Protein backbone atom coordinates (compact mmCIF):
# COMPACT_ATOMS: atom_id res chain seq x y z
CA MET A 1 40.84 46.94 43.98
CA SER A 2 41.17 50.77 43.87
CA GLY A 3 44.04 50.15 41.46
CA MET A 4 41.89 48.31 39.12
CA GLN A 5 39.24 50.92 39.22
CA ASP A 6 41.78 53.51 38.11
CA PHE A 7 43.24 51.01 35.45
CA ASN A 8 43.17 51.94 31.83
CA VAL A 9 44.29 49.42 29.12
CA ASN A 10 45.85 52.23 27.13
CA ASP A 11 48.21 52.83 30.01
CA LEU A 12 49.73 49.29 29.63
CA ASP A 13 53.40 49.28 28.72
CA PHE A 14 54.09 46.04 26.79
CA ASN A 15 57.85 46.74 27.13
CA ASN A 16 57.59 46.81 30.92
CA MET A 17 55.01 44.26 31.88
CA GLY A 18 56.62 43.89 35.36
CA ILE A 19 54.89 47.00 36.61
CA TRP A 20 51.35 45.85 35.47
CA PRO A 21 48.93 45.41 38.26
CA THR A 22 48.85 41.74 39.62
CA PRO A 23 45.25 41.12 38.44
CA VAL A 24 46.13 42.15 34.84
CA LYS A 25 49.19 39.88 35.06
CA VAL A 26 47.01 36.91 36.16
CA ILE A 27 44.40 37.44 33.54
CA THR A 28 46.95 38.03 30.81
CA GLY A 29 48.82 34.77 31.86
CA LEU A 30 45.46 32.73 31.78
CA ILE A 31 44.64 34.12 28.33
CA VAL A 32 48.31 33.23 27.00
CA PHE A 33 48.03 29.80 28.71
CA GLY A 34 44.70 29.15 27.03
CA LEU A 35 46.00 30.12 23.62
CA VAL A 36 48.92 27.85 24.10
CA LEU A 37 46.61 24.92 24.97
CA LEU A 38 44.39 25.63 21.99
CA LEU A 39 47.14 25.85 19.53
CA GLY A 40 48.85 22.88 20.89
CA TYR A 41 45.68 20.84 20.55
CA GLN A 42 45.08 22.08 17.19
CA PHE A 43 48.58 21.30 15.72
CA PHE A 44 49.56 18.26 17.68
CA ILE A 45 46.87 16.45 19.78
CA SER A 46 44.02 16.78 17.19
CA ASP A 47 45.99 14.93 14.57
CA ASP A 48 47.01 12.25 17.06
CA LEU A 49 43.37 11.84 18.10
CA ASP A 50 42.31 11.31 14.45
CA SER A 51 45.06 8.85 13.90
CA LEU A 52 44.08 6.83 17.08
CA ASP A 53 40.45 6.84 15.83
CA ARG A 54 41.55 5.31 12.58
CA GLU A 55 43.63 2.78 14.42
CA VAL A 56 40.77 1.80 16.68
CA ARG A 57 38.45 1.23 13.67
CA GLN A 58 41.12 -0.75 11.90
CA GLU A 59 41.62 -2.86 14.97
CA ASN A 60 37.88 -3.70 15.15
CA THR A 61 37.86 -4.64 11.47
CA LEU A 62 40.89 -6.90 11.93
CA LYS A 63 39.17 -8.49 14.90
CA GLN A 64 36.04 -9.24 12.90
CA GLU A 65 38.14 -10.76 10.07
CA PHE A 66 40.10 -12.81 12.58
CA GLU A 67 36.80 -14.15 14.09
CA LYS A 68 35.57 -15.12 10.68
CA LYS A 69 38.76 -16.87 9.69
CA GLN A 70 38.94 -18.57 13.18
CA LYS A 71 35.48 -19.98 12.64
CA LYS A 72 36.35 -21.23 9.20
CA ALA A 73 39.56 -22.84 10.58
CA VAL A 74 37.60 -24.57 13.37
CA HIS A 75 35.25 -26.02 10.76
CA LEU A 76 37.86 -26.75 8.08
CA GLU A 77 37.77 -30.52 8.52
CA ALA A 78 34.00 -30.49 8.27
CA TYR A 79 34.25 -28.39 5.07
CA LYS A 80 36.87 -30.76 3.54
CA ASN A 81 34.58 -33.74 4.29
CA GLN A 82 31.60 -31.88 2.84
CA MET A 83 33.51 -30.99 -0.39
CA GLU A 84 34.68 -34.62 -0.71
CA SER A 85 31.04 -35.69 -0.36
CA ILE A 86 29.92 -33.17 -3.03
CA LYS A 87 32.68 -34.31 -5.33
CA LYS A 88 31.67 -38.05 -5.06
CA SER A 89 27.95 -37.05 -5.68
CA PHE A 90 28.92 -35.07 -8.76
CA GLU A 91 30.96 -37.93 -10.03
CA SER A 92 28.09 -40.25 -9.40
CA LEU A 93 25.80 -37.96 -11.35
CA LEU A 94 28.23 -37.70 -14.23
CA LYS A 95 28.34 -41.48 -14.50
CA GLN A 96 24.44 -41.46 -15.04
CA LEU A 97 24.99 -39.16 -18.06
CA PRO A 98 25.20 -41.37 -21.13
CA GLN A 99 28.03 -41.21 -23.79
CA ARG A 100 27.11 -40.36 -27.37
CA SER A 101 27.16 -44.00 -28.32
CA GLU A 102 24.55 -44.87 -25.54
CA VAL A 103 21.82 -42.50 -26.65
CA PRO A 104 20.25 -44.98 -29.19
CA GLY A 105 20.15 -47.60 -26.39
CA LEU A 106 18.23 -45.17 -24.17
CA VAL A 107 15.70 -44.77 -26.91
CA ASP A 108 15.23 -48.51 -26.83
CA GLU A 109 14.85 -48.42 -23.07
CA ILE A 110 12.04 -45.83 -23.38
CA SER A 111 10.44 -47.93 -26.03
CA TYR A 112 10.49 -50.95 -23.62
CA ALA A 113 8.97 -48.67 -20.84
CA ILE A 114 6.21 -47.82 -23.22
CA THR A 115 5.32 -51.37 -24.22
CA GLY A 116 5.93 -52.61 -20.66
CA ALA A 117 3.24 -50.17 -19.37
CA GLY A 118 0.82 -51.43 -21.98
CA LEU A 119 0.77 -48.24 -23.98
CA GLU A 120 0.54 -48.09 -27.80
CA LEU A 121 3.49 -46.32 -29.33
CA GLU A 122 2.22 -43.86 -31.97
CA ASN A 123 5.66 -42.10 -32.61
CA ILE A 124 9.04 -41.49 -31.10
CA SER A 125 11.60 -39.18 -32.60
CA LEU A 126 14.92 -37.66 -31.61
CA LYS A 127 14.88 -33.77 -31.78
CA GLY A 128 17.88 -31.53 -32.20
CA GLU A 129 20.67 -31.76 -29.55
CA VAL A 130 21.00 -28.73 -27.27
CA SER A 131 24.31 -27.58 -25.76
CA ARG A 132 24.28 -26.67 -22.06
CA GLU A 133 27.88 -25.80 -21.05
CA ILE A 134 29.13 -28.90 -19.58
CA TYR A 135 26.53 -31.33 -21.01
CA PHE A 136 24.18 -31.81 -23.88
CA GLU A 137 20.42 -32.25 -23.85
CA GLU A 138 18.95 -35.06 -25.96
CA PRO A 139 15.22 -34.48 -26.27
CA LEU A 140 12.86 -37.04 -27.69
CA GLU A 141 9.32 -36.39 -28.67
CA ILE A 142 6.97 -39.29 -27.70
CA ASN A 143 3.39 -39.91 -28.74
CA VAL A 144 1.58 -42.83 -26.99
CA SER A 145 -1.96 -43.81 -26.37
CA GLY A 146 -3.47 -45.78 -23.62
CA GLY A 147 -5.37 -45.75 -20.22
CA TYR A 148 -4.67 -43.21 -17.38
CA HIS A 149 -3.11 -46.04 -15.20
CA GLN A 150 -0.91 -47.09 -18.08
CA ILE A 151 0.40 -43.63 -18.56
CA ALA A 152 1.13 -43.40 -14.76
CA ASP A 153 2.94 -46.67 -15.02
CA PHE A 154 5.05 -45.47 -17.98
CA VAL A 155 6.03 -42.32 -15.98
CA SER A 156 7.05 -44.47 -12.99
CA ARG A 157 9.16 -46.76 -15.23
CA VAL A 158 11.01 -43.80 -16.73
CA SER A 159 11.69 -42.42 -13.26
CA ASN A 160 13.36 -45.69 -12.17
CA MET A 161 15.73 -45.90 -15.28
CA PRO A 162 19.36 -46.16 -14.35
CA ARG A 163 20.16 -43.20 -16.54
CA ILE A 164 18.78 -39.60 -15.93
CA VAL A 165 15.65 -39.11 -17.99
CA THR A 166 13.22 -36.25 -17.42
CA LEU A 167 9.75 -35.61 -18.87
CA HIS A 168 8.57 -32.27 -20.02
CA ASP A 169 5.64 -30.50 -21.84
CA PHE A 170 2.77 -33.06 -21.10
CA THR A 171 -0.15 -33.04 -23.30
CA ILE A 172 -2.93 -35.45 -22.72
CA LYS A 173 -6.14 -35.62 -24.77
CA THR A 174 -9.04 -38.09 -25.08
CA THR A 175 -9.16 -39.93 -28.29
CA ASP A 176 -12.04 -39.93 -30.76
CA ARG A 177 -11.74 -43.71 -31.01
CA GLU A 178 -14.36 -45.83 -29.25
CA VAL A 179 -11.65 -47.78 -27.52
CA PHE A 180 -11.26 -48.55 -23.80
CA GLY A 181 -8.38 -49.86 -21.80
CA SER A 182 -8.41 -53.26 -20.01
CA GLU A 183 -9.67 -51.58 -16.82
CA GLY A 184 -12.48 -49.85 -18.57
CA GLU A 185 -10.63 -46.53 -18.79
CA ALA A 186 -11.13 -44.14 -21.65
CA MET A 187 -8.25 -44.24 -24.18
CA LEU A 188 -6.03 -41.22 -23.89
CA VAL A 189 -3.34 -39.81 -26.20
CA MET A 190 -0.33 -38.33 -24.57
CA THR A 191 2.47 -36.19 -26.27
CA VAL A 192 5.47 -35.60 -24.00
CA THR A 193 9.08 -34.56 -24.38
CA ALA A 194 11.63 -36.84 -22.71
CA LYS A 195 15.08 -35.28 -22.13
CA THR A 196 18.18 -37.38 -21.50
CA TYR A 197 21.53 -35.89 -21.03
CA ARG A 198 25.17 -36.60 -21.95
CA TYR A 199 28.38 -35.28 -20.76
CA ALA A 200 30.18 -32.88 -22.98
CA GLU A 201 33.27 -34.60 -24.25
CA ALA A 202 36.63 -32.87 -24.62
CA GLY A 203 36.71 -30.70 -27.67
CA GLU A 204 32.90 -30.55 -28.06
CA GLU A 205 31.25 -27.18 -28.17
């Protein structure tokens, strides 16, 4: 220890480190060893750790994707059956859409529903056809008069038609005429838009 007390850094001869005091050699060796470890980590191990971290994240992502695909594969047969069922339902709905030549017949069917319900037909007219991508709307404006229960019967008859017909924009008013239905109901006047639909044929816009 007495040698360390008399030690002066300026007395170190870097060309002859063998004569340095043992404590100085140990300290210098530890410093050099630490620098080697630090530089080695910085230039070699650090990049490898970053690469390992990326690989781990990619592995987790691939595992999640695999689990999703595995679940789909397990239920593939059920998906196929569901798609087949949807396809059949869609084809069934398409069959309910009339062709161009069937629209006048539907007008007759609606007229029959009006008279069958006991309503008095004031007016029925085809409005302009409306294009909706794969189908066309065929709106009809209907004006009828009758009792409340007769109007309800007409709506029921329309809903039971084999073809798709929807009713929109109801307007119901009492009439000024002193006329009553068979069940003692006040006479009403209804204006409604009935829409039927037809499939867009090839070449139609």
